[in-house]
Amino acid sequence: MSDPDLNFVRSPGLTPSGRAAKCRRMAAEAEHMARRTTGETRDAYLTLVKQWIALADELERMAEPRS
């Protein structure tokens, strides 16, 4: 099953910067969830935060004009 909120990465209607912004919002949501829990679940959310931010950074790098 596919989550429609996660399909934005392949959505042709979003610019790379729009995709990066969505990734950063997902990171913020994961961070919010991490604050609401403890232990391994908290650690898993914090790992997701890092991964969403890394994806956002990569999308922004890919959008930069190449010289």
N, C-alpha and C. Protein backbone atom coordinates (compact mmCIF):
# COMPACT_ATOMS: atom_id res chain seq x y z
N MET A 1 0.84 -1.18 0.00
CA MET A 1 0.00 0.00 0.00
C MET A 1 0.88 1.24 0.00
N SER A 2 0.51 2.23 -0.77
CA SER A 2 1.29 3.45 -0.90
C SER A 2 0.60 4.59 -0.17
N ASP A 3 1.37 5.34 0.61
CA ASP A 3 0.84 6.50 1.33
C ASP A 3 0.88 7.69 0.39
N PRO A 4 -0.29 8.31 0.11
CA PRO A 4 -0.30 9.43 -0.83
C PRO A 4 0.58 10.59 -0.39
N ASP A 5 0.78 10.77 0.91
CA ASP A 5 1.63 11.86 1.39
C ASP A 5 3.10 11.63 1.00
N LEU A 6 3.49 10.40 0.75
CA LEU A 6 4.88 10.10 0.41
C LEU A 6 5.13 10.08 -1.09
N ASN A 7 4.09 10.16 -1.88
CA ASN A 7 4.25 10.14 -3.34
C ASN A 7 4.81 11.45 -3.89
N PHE A 8 4.97 12.46 -3.05
CA PHE A 8 5.45 13.76 -3.51
C PHE A 8 6.85 13.67 -4.11
N VAL A 9 7.64 12.69 -3.71
CA VAL A 9 9.02 12.58 -4.20
C VAL A 9 9.01 12.35 -5.71
N ARG A 10 7.99 11.66 -6.21
CA ARG A 10 7.91 11.38 -7.65
C ARG A 10 6.92 12.29 -8.37
N SER A 11 6.26 13.17 -7.65
CA SER A 11 5.23 14.01 -8.24
C SER A 11 5.81 15.00 -9.26
N PRO A 12 5.32 14.95 -10.50
CA PRO A 12 5.85 15.88 -11.50
C PRO A 12 5.39 17.32 -11.24
N GLY A 13 4.39 17.51 -10.39
CA GLY A 13 3.88 18.85 -10.13
C GLY A 13 4.70 19.65 -9.14
N LEU A 14 5.66 19.01 -8.48
CA LEU A 14 6.48 19.71 -7.49
C LEU A 14 7.87 19.99 -8.04
N THR A 15 8.36 21.15 -7.74
CA THR A 15 9.74 21.49 -8.09
C THR A 15 10.68 20.80 -7.10
N PRO A 16 11.94 20.68 -7.43
CA PRO A 16 12.88 20.10 -6.46
C PRO A 16 12.88 20.85 -5.13
N SER A 17 12.76 22.17 -5.17
CA SER A 17 12.73 22.91 -3.91
C SER A 17 11.44 22.64 -3.15
N GLY A 18 10.35 22.40 -3.87
CA GLY A 18 9.08 22.02 -3.22
C GLY A 18 9.18 20.65 -2.57
N ARG A 19 9.86 19.73 -3.25
CA ARG A 19 10.08 18.41 -2.66
C ARG A 19 10.95 18.50 -1.42
N ALA A 20 11.98 19.33 -1.49
CA ALA A 20 12.87 19.50 -0.34
C ALA A 20 12.11 20.10 0.84
N ALA A 21 11.25 21.07 0.56
CA ALA A 21 10.45 21.68 1.63
C ALA A 21 9.53 20.65 2.28
N LYS A 22 8.95 19.79 1.46
CA LYS A 22 8.08 18.73 2.00
C LYS A 22 8.90 17.78 2.88
N CYS A 23 10.11 17.45 2.45
CA CYS A 23 10.98 16.59 3.26
C CYS A 23 11.27 17.23 4.60
N ARG A 24 11.50 18.54 4.59
CA ARG A 24 11.78 19.23 5.85
C ARG A 24 10.54 19.25 6.75
N ARG A 25 9.36 19.34 6.17
CA ARG A 25 8.13 19.25 6.98
C ARG A 25 7.98 17.85 7.56
N MET A 26 8.33 16.83 6.78
CA MET A 26 8.27 15.46 7.29
C MET A 26 9.28 15.28 8.43
N ALA A 27 10.45 15.88 8.31
CA ALA A 27 11.45 15.83 9.37
C ALA A 27 10.92 16.49 10.63
N ALA A 28 10.26 17.63 10.48
CA ALA A 28 9.69 18.32 11.64
C ALA A 28 8.62 17.48 12.31
N GLU A 29 7.81 16.80 11.51
CA GLU A 29 6.77 15.93 12.06
C GLU A 29 7.40 14.76 12.82
N ALA A 30 8.44 14.17 12.26
CA ALA A 30 9.13 13.06 12.94
C ALA A 30 9.76 13.55 14.24
N GLU A 31 10.30 14.76 14.22
CA GLU A 31 10.89 15.30 15.45
C GLU A 31 9.82 15.53 16.51
N HIS A 32 8.67 16.01 16.09
CA HIS A 32 7.54 16.19 17.00
C HIS A 32 7.14 14.84 17.62
N MET A 33 7.06 13.82 16.80
CA MET A 33 6.70 12.49 17.30
C MET A 33 7.76 11.96 18.25
N ALA A 34 9.03 12.23 17.96
CA ALA A 34 10.12 11.78 18.83
C ALA A 34 9.99 12.37 20.23
N ARG A 35 9.56 13.62 20.30
CA ARG A 35 9.39 14.27 21.61
C ARG A 35 8.26 13.66 22.42
N ARG A 36 7.36 12.95 21.74
CA ARG A 36 6.20 12.38 22.42
C ARG A 36 6.41 10.93 22.86
N THR A 37 7.60 10.39 22.64
CA THR A 37 7.84 8.99 22.98
C THR A 37 9.24 8.83 23.56
N THR A 38 9.60 7.60 23.89
CA THR A 38 10.90 7.32 24.51
C THR A 38 11.51 6.06 23.90
N GLY A 39 12.72 5.78 24.33
CA GLY A 39 13.38 4.51 24.00
C GLY A 39 13.65 4.32 22.52
N GLU A 40 13.48 3.07 22.09
CA GLU A 40 13.79 2.72 20.70
C GLU A 40 12.88 3.44 19.71
N THR A 41 11.65 3.67 20.11
CA THR A 41 10.73 4.38 19.21
C THR A 41 11.22 5.81 18.98
N ARG A 42 11.66 6.46 20.04
CA ARG A 42 12.21 7.81 19.93
C ARG A 42 13.44 7.79 19.03
N ASP A 43 14.31 6.82 19.25
CA ASP A 43 15.52 6.70 18.42
C ASP A 43 15.17 6.52 16.94
N ALA A 44 14.14 5.72 16.69
CA ALA A 44 13.72 5.49 15.30
C ALA A 44 13.22 6.79 14.67
N TYR A 45 12.43 7.55 15.41
CA TYR A 45 11.96 8.84 14.88
C TYR A 45 13.13 9.78 14.62
N LEU A 46 14.09 9.82 15.51
CA LEU A 46 15.24 10.69 15.32
C LEU A 46 16.08 10.27 14.11
N THR A 47 16.13 8.97 13.85
CA THR A 47 16.80 8.49 12.64
C THR A 47 16.04 8.97 11.40
N LEU A 48 14.72 8.92 11.46
CA LEU A 48 13.92 9.43 10.35
C LEU A 48 14.16 10.91 10.12
N VAL A 49 14.28 11.68 11.20
CA VAL A 49 14.56 13.11 11.07
C VAL A 49 15.83 13.30 10.25
N LYS A 50 16.89 12.60 10.61
CA LYS A 50 18.17 12.72 9.90
C LYS A 50 18.02 12.33 8.43
N GLN A 51 17.26 11.27 8.17
CA GLN A 51 17.09 10.80 6.80
C GLN A 51 16.29 11.79 5.96
N TRP A 52 15.22 12.36 6.53
CA TRP A 52 14.42 13.34 5.80
C TRP A 52 15.26 14.57 5.47
N ILE A 53 16.07 15.01 6.44
CA ILE A 53 16.92 16.18 6.21
C ILE A 53 17.96 15.88 5.15
N ALA A 54 18.55 14.70 5.20
CA ALA A 54 19.54 14.31 4.19
C ALA A 54 18.91 14.28 2.79
N LEU A 55 17.69 13.76 2.70
CA LEU A 55 17.00 13.73 1.41
C LEU A 55 16.71 15.15 0.93
N ALA A 56 16.27 16.02 1.83
CA ALA A 56 16.01 17.42 1.46
C ALA A 56 17.29 18.07 0.95
N ASP A 57 18.38 17.86 1.66
CA ASP A 57 19.67 18.43 1.23
C ASP A 57 20.06 17.94 -0.15
N GLU A 58 19.88 16.65 -0.39
CA GLU A 58 20.24 16.07 -1.69
C GLU A 58 19.35 16.63 -2.80
N LEU A 59 18.07 16.76 -2.55
CA LEU A 59 17.17 17.33 -3.54
C LEU A 59 17.57 18.76 -3.87
N GLU A 60 17.96 19.52 -2.86
CA GLU A 60 18.40 20.90 -3.11
C GLU A 60 19.69 20.93 -3.90
N ARG A 61 20.61 20.02 -3.60
CA ARG A 61 21.86 19.95 -4.37
C ARG A 61 21.58 19.61 -5.83
N MET A 62 20.66 18.69 -6.05
CA MET A 62 20.33 18.29 -7.42
C MET A 62 19.68 19.45 -8.19
N ALA A 63 19.01 20.34 -7.48
CA ALA A 63 18.32 21.46 -8.13
C ALA A 63 19.26 22.61 -8.45
N GLU A 64 20.44 22.63 -7.85
CA GLU A 64 21.39 23.71 -8.10
C GLU A 64 21.90 23.65 -9.53
N PRO A 65 22.05 24.81 -10.13
CA PRO A 65 22.60 24.82 -11.50
C PRO A 65 24.05 24.32 -11.48
N ARG A 66 24.36 23.53 -12.47
CA ARG A 66 25.73 22.99 -12.57
C ARG A 66 26.57 23.91 -13.44
N SER A 67 27.81 24.09 -13.03
CA SER A 67 28.69 24.97 -13.81
C SER A 67 29.64 24.20 -14.67
